[in-house]
Amino acid sequence: MRNESFDFLQKYLNNPSPTGFEKEGQKLWLNYIRPYIDEYFVDTYGTVVGVINPGAKYKVVIEAHADEISYFVNYITKEGYIYVRRNGGSDALVAPSKRVNIHTDKGIVKAIFGWPAIHVRKVEQDKAPTIETIFLDCGATSRDEVERMGIHVGSVVTFEDEFMVMNKQYYVGRALDNRIGGFMIAEVARLLKENNQKLPFGLYVVNAVQEEIGLRGAEMIAHRIQPDVAIITDVIHDTQAPMYEKKTSGDLHCGKGPVVTYGPAVQNNLRELIIETAKTADIPFQRASATRATGTDTDAFAYSNAGVAAALISLPLKYMHTTVETVHQDDVENVIRLIYQTLLRIEDGHDFRYFS
């Protein structure tokens, strides 16, 4: 990876972008991608779209989502302790002893998820932390002191953990789900520009908001763009670590390539084009199956408008929705390559229908 790309990746992943409050991360992303696009627009809720060849009638989307899971302040006790509620799929089990940033109009307030010491608990009666039992300590001793810091019900809370490289092979941090996807589609746009590739269609590079609470950003922007094709990238569970059940979760590995998903929302002909591309370009890939839905923005695009040919290229990831989400560097590069090479095989007016 070139140095400029790696610097952007670190900065982008370390920047907080909680669901509904993605603005600052979106500004970083747009600033990076702007040299590689012809124009851009931003919708009402903050989804950013970079457009290449905007005058073309046939429209292809490559998309990732920009938001990360977080918490909202929900209740402040008279003693100054703070109870929270989820913003997205936050896991209370990983919260105790974590450092957090509380976002206020006065700036960042540092706090911690406290937890009673092992000495004072009846360990044999311990129950897993829940959203009702985890709490924040910001160093205050009263509700008034908390409020003077600028904290109020509705203040957003994000984990403090930042990006690192592990064993010279893995990227680790919070919010790789799915800002790593935003990075990858930005790199596709860069490669198209730097390799002087002229696409026969309009390419819409979409970094959507609010995926973590129901694919909402993708739902909105799909209706606005009205694309013919959508290639979505998101993360998927690596299932090699302890406690995964391969019979239900599949047999997927970090380091063995992008994952191509089968499922009702995935358009078969587009999926097969992606697989053929991987084989032709000698890009390793894995397969996964979905049930009723993929659980990603693929579903929002597929079922929008009159129906959009949509497919999903996923990045294997360990420890989803924790502060140590982990992906293999080779997989990141190969997702970028697979999206890039697939775009070069899509024709103007490409008809993906099963029959006509």
Foldseek 3Di string as FASTA:
>chain_A
DDPVLVVLVQVLQQDAQAFQRNAVSLVSLCVLLVVLADDWDADPSGKIKGKHPVVFPAEEEEEAARHFKWWWFADADFQGKTAIHIRFDADQQQAEQFWKWWQFPVGTQIKGFHDDDPVPDPVVPDDGGDSVPIIIDRPGGGPVVVVVVRGDGGTIMDTNWGWDDPPVWKIWFGPVQPVLSSSLLSVLSVVCRVVVPDFNGMYMYIHFGDLRPPLVRLLVVLQVVVHQEYEYEGAAEQQPDPPRDCVPRNHHHFPQAKEWEDDDLAQVQLSVLLVVLCVVVVGGYHYYYDYHDPSGNSNSNQPPDPGHNYTYIYFHWYDPNHGTIMHTPSRSVSVSVSVNSSSVVAHRVRDSDPDD
